[in-house]
Structures are given as structure tokens and as C-alpha cells.
Amino acid sequence: MTNQQQIFFSKKSLADVERQFGPEALGNALVESADEIGAHASGVIAEGTPTNKNPQPGVPRGRLAAGWSHRVKKQGNGADVIIGNAVFYGPFVNFGTGIFAGKGRIFPKKKRAMAFFFKGGPVVVRSIKGQPGQHFAEKGLEKAARDIPAIAAATIEREMGR
């Protein structure tokens, strides 16, 4: 599966709809469809996003899970949906770090060693492997992609029926 999901309708069916309702109505229906697809996909991704085991008060799902959003960008006769998350550490959780992201071991920048503090006492190391990626964004997109044709068809029918 690619990072971009695209929905294609046959040119004949879109041409028929455009002839019947006009190009502006079809364009508006496609933009509305893209908006609903984006909302659905970002919601599915948020459901699969890992959450903090010790959440902050007032943030029920965690910042990463709550940070998913989408926007629609009209492109010619169609629309692009951009799904994103503004939480800076999201890519590290999704893709991994260090050797798991193909970057090699992680070393301290200014010191010779790193210290991690646990209940049993501190652990001092010169480097760490990093963390494996959880790939929750790809899994969420794959899950949401199954629903996209039905959402698109229903939205376009509803918009054209107005």
C-alpha cells in the first residue's frame, strides 16, 4: 500500500454526472466527499494511535491521538485530502528511531554516556538502539481505505440530490 490513497471513478460516470448537474455541482460534491473521507480516515488513525499510559488532566486520549486533523485542497476537477498531526514526536513513534529507522545507534551529543533513571536505580550507557516504529498511521490508513468507496459514493449521491 502506498502513502497516498486515491479514489478513481470511471470517466464516463463522472462525465454523465457533470452533464446532468453541471461542473460546479460535481466539483462541490467531490470536495465534500474528500472532506468526509478525511474526517473518517483521521478518526480511524486516531483510534489506533498509541496513548500515554499516564495521561495529563484534561487530555483524555493523549496529545498524539488527539492531534490528528485533515484539510481538503481543491485540485482541478477533484480534491486532495491531507491528513496530518502537528505533534513533533509523532514520526518517531510511527517510524521508529535509531537502528529501527535505519539511522544507526543513538549516541549522546555532548557527553560520553546517557543515564536512565528507573525504580531500581540509574542505568548508564554509551549508546542505545532506539525504539521500533509502531506504524499506526499506515495501519489506520489501510483500515480506513476499505470504507472510502462507500463514503465517496454516499456523499456524492447526497450532494447531487440537493
Protein backbone atom coordinates (compact mmCIF):
# COMPACT_ATOMS: atom_id res chain seq x y z
CA MET A 1 0.00 0.00 0.00
CA THR A 2 1.27 3.48 -0.79
CA ASN A 3 1.29 6.51 1.47
CA GLN A 4 -1.31 8.14 -0.76
CA GLN A 5 -4.73 6.61 -1.28
CA GLN A 6 -6.57 7.66 -4.43
CA ILE A 7 -10.15 7.02 -5.46
CA PHE A 8 -10.94 6.80 -9.14
CA PHE A 9 -14.41 6.91 -10.66
CA SER A 10 -14.85 5.98 -14.28
CA LYS A 11 -14.59 8.96 -16.62
CA LYS A 12 -17.93 8.01 -18.19
CA SER A 13 -19.85 8.08 -14.88
CA LEU A 14 -18.31 11.41 -13.83
CA ALA A 15 -18.98 12.87 -17.28
CA ASP A 16 -22.64 11.79 -17.01
CA VAL A 17 -22.97 13.41 -13.56
CA GLU A 18 -21.25 16.58 -14.78
CA ARG A 19 -23.58 16.81 -17.80
CA GLN A 20 -26.65 16.31 -15.62
CA PHE A 21 -25.76 18.65 -12.73
CA GLY A 22 -23.01 20.90 -14.07
CA PRO A 23 -19.27 21.10 -13.38
CA GLU A 24 -19.58 23.33 -10.31
CA ALA A 25 -22.01 20.96 -8.57
CA LEU A 26 -19.76 17.99 -9.32
CA GLY A 27 -16.70 19.86 -8.03
CA ASN A 28 -18.52 20.80 -4.81
CA ALA A 29 -19.66 17.19 -4.34
CA LEU A 30 -16.10 15.91 -4.80
CA VAL A 31 -14.74 18.43 -2.28
CA GLU A 32 -17.45 17.48 0.25
CA SER A 33 -16.69 13.79 -0.36
CA ALA A 34 -12.98 14.41 0.21
CA ASP A 35 -13.77 16.24 3.46
CA GLU A 36 -15.84 13.32 4.78
CA ILE A 37 -13.17 10.82 3.73
CA GLY A 38 -10.51 12.89 5.52
CA ALA A 39 -12.58 13.11 8.70
CA HIS A 40 -13.20 9.37 8.66
CA ALA A 41 -9.56 8.47 7.95
CA SER A 42 -8.13 10.80 10.61
CA GLY A 43 -10.61 9.37 13.13
CA VAL A 44 -9.62 5.79 12.32
CA ILE A 45 -5.93 6.67 12.61
CA ALA A 46 -6.57 8.40 15.96
CA GLU A 47 -8.30 5.25 17.29
CA GLY A 48 -5.16 3.21 16.54
CA THR A 49 -2.68 5.79 17.81
CA PRO A 50 -0.85 4.74 20.98
CA THR A 51 -1.84 6.72 24.04
CA ASN A 52 0.12 7.76 27.08
CA LYS A 53 -0.27 5.35 29.97
CA ASN A 54 -0.13 8.34 32.35
CA PRO A 55 -2.37 10.94 30.65
CA GLN A 56 -2.36 14.59 31.61
CA PRO A 57 -5.51 16.01 33.20
CA GLY A 58 -7.91 17.33 30.56
CA VAL A 59 -6.29 15.33 27.72
CA PRO A 60 -8.28 12.09 27.66
CA ARG A 61 -6.59 10.37 24.71
CA GLY A 62 -3.10 11.82 24.78
CA ARG A 63 -1.68 14.58 22.61
CA LEU A 64 -0.62 12.35 19.73
CA ALA A 65 -4.00 10.64 19.37
CA ALA A 66 -5.90 13.92 19.80
CA GLY A 67 -3.66 15.76 17.32
CA TRP A 68 -4.95 14.19 14.09
CA SER A 69 -6.61 16.55 11.62
CA HIS A 70 -7.33 16.82 7.93
CA ARG A 71 -7.76 19.51 5.32
CA VAL A 72 -9.05 19.45 1.78
CA LYS A 73 -7.28 21.13 -1.10
CA LYS A 74 -9.23 21.57 -4.33
CA GLN A 75 -7.22 20.33 -7.32
CA GLY A 76 -8.66 20.93 -10.78
CA ASN A 77 -11.87 18.90 -11.02
CA GLY A 78 -11.19 16.96 -7.81
CA ALA A 79 -9.70 17.39 -4.36
CA ASP A 80 -6.75 16.18 -2.30
CA VAL A 81 -7.10 15.24 1.35
CA ILE A 82 -4.13 15.97 3.59
CA ILE A 83 -4.11 14.14 6.91
CA GLY A 84 -1.58 15.24 9.48
CA ASN A 85 -0.55 15.59 13.06
CA ALA A 86 1.26 18.60 14.50
CA VAL A 87 2.74 16.72 17.47
CA PHE A 88 6.51 16.86 16.84
CA TYR A 89 7.30 13.36 18.16
CA GLY A 90 4.67 11.59 16.04
CA PRO A 91 7.09 10.48 13.29
CA PHE A 92 9.44 8.99 15.89
CA VAL A 93 6.65 6.88 17.40
CA ASN A 94 5.30 5.86 13.98
CA PHE A 95 8.56 5.17 12.09
CA GLY A 96 10.89 4.39 14.99
CA THR A 97 14.29 5.80 15.93
CA GLY A 98 17.92 4.74 15.80
CA ILE A 99 18.61 1.38 14.17
CA PHE A 100 14.89 0.80 13.65
CA ALA A 101 14.71 3.88 11.41
CA GLY A 102 17.91 2.98 9.57
CA LYS A 103 19.91 5.72 11.31
CA GLY A 104 22.26 3.59 13.44
CA ARG A 105 22.67 3.60 17.20
CA ILE A 106 21.87 6.75 19.19
CA PHE A 107 24.81 8.42 20.98
CA PRO A 108 24.75 11.43 23.33
CA LYS A 109 25.61 14.72 21.63
CA LYS A 110 27.57 16.46 24.39
CA LYS A 111 28.51 13.79 26.94
CA ARG A 112 30.20 10.40 26.79
CA ALA A 113 27.23 8.49 28.23
CA MET A 114 23.49 8.68 28.91
CA ALA A 115 21.75 7.93 32.20
CA PHE A 116 18.25 6.48 32.52
CA PHE A 117 16.62 6.50 35.94
CA PHE A 118 14.42 3.58 36.99
CA LYS A 119 12.98 2.46 40.33
CA GLY A 120 15.95 0.10 40.80
CA GLY A 121 18.45 2.90 40.22
CA PRO A 122 20.16 4.63 37.30
CA VAL A 123 21.44 2.81 34.22
CA VAL A 124 24.35 4.44 32.37
CA VAL A 125 25.03 3.53 28.72
CA ARG A 126 27.17 4.91 25.89
CA SER A 127 24.53 4.31 23.20
CA ILE A 128 21.06 2.85 22.67
CA LYS A 129 19.38 1.04 19.78
CA GLY A 130 16.34 3.32 19.68
CA GLN A 131 12.69 2.32 19.56
CA PRO A 132 10.91 0.25 16.92
CA GLY A 133 8.27 2.00 14.82
CA GLN A 134 4.65 1.23 15.64
CA HIS A 135 3.36 2.12 12.13
CA PHE A 136 -0.07 3.09 13.46
CA ALA A 137 -0.61 5.71 10.71
CA GLU A 138 -0.16 3.18 7.90
CA LYS A 139 -2.36 0.63 9.70
CA GLY A 140 -5.07 3.26 10.23
CA LEU A 141 -4.97 4.38 6.58
CA GLU A 142 -5.18 0.78 5.42
CA LYS A 143 -8.20 0.18 7.66
CA ALA A 144 -9.91 3.43 6.58
CA ALA A 145 -9.25 2.74 2.88
CA ARG A 146 -11.77 -0.10 2.95
CA ASP A 147 -14.57 2.39 3.73
CA ILE A 148 -13.56 5.10 1.25
CA PRO A 149 -15.52 3.95 -1.83
CA ALA A 150 -18.78 3.70 0.15
CA ILE A 151 -18.25 7.09 1.82
CA ALA A 152 -17.42 8.75 -1.51
CA ALA A 153 -20.43 7.26 -3.31
CA ALA A 154 -22.86 8.15 -0.50
CA THR A 155 -21.55 11.71 -0.20
CA ILE A 156 -21.64 12.37 -3.95
CA GLU A 157 -25.20 10.97 -4.20
CA ARG A 158 -26.33 13.09 -1.26
CA GLU A 159 -24.69 16.25 -2.61
CA MET A 160 -26.10 15.72 -6.10
CA GLY A 161 -29.58 15.13 -4.68
CA ARG A 162 -29.71 18.61 -3.14
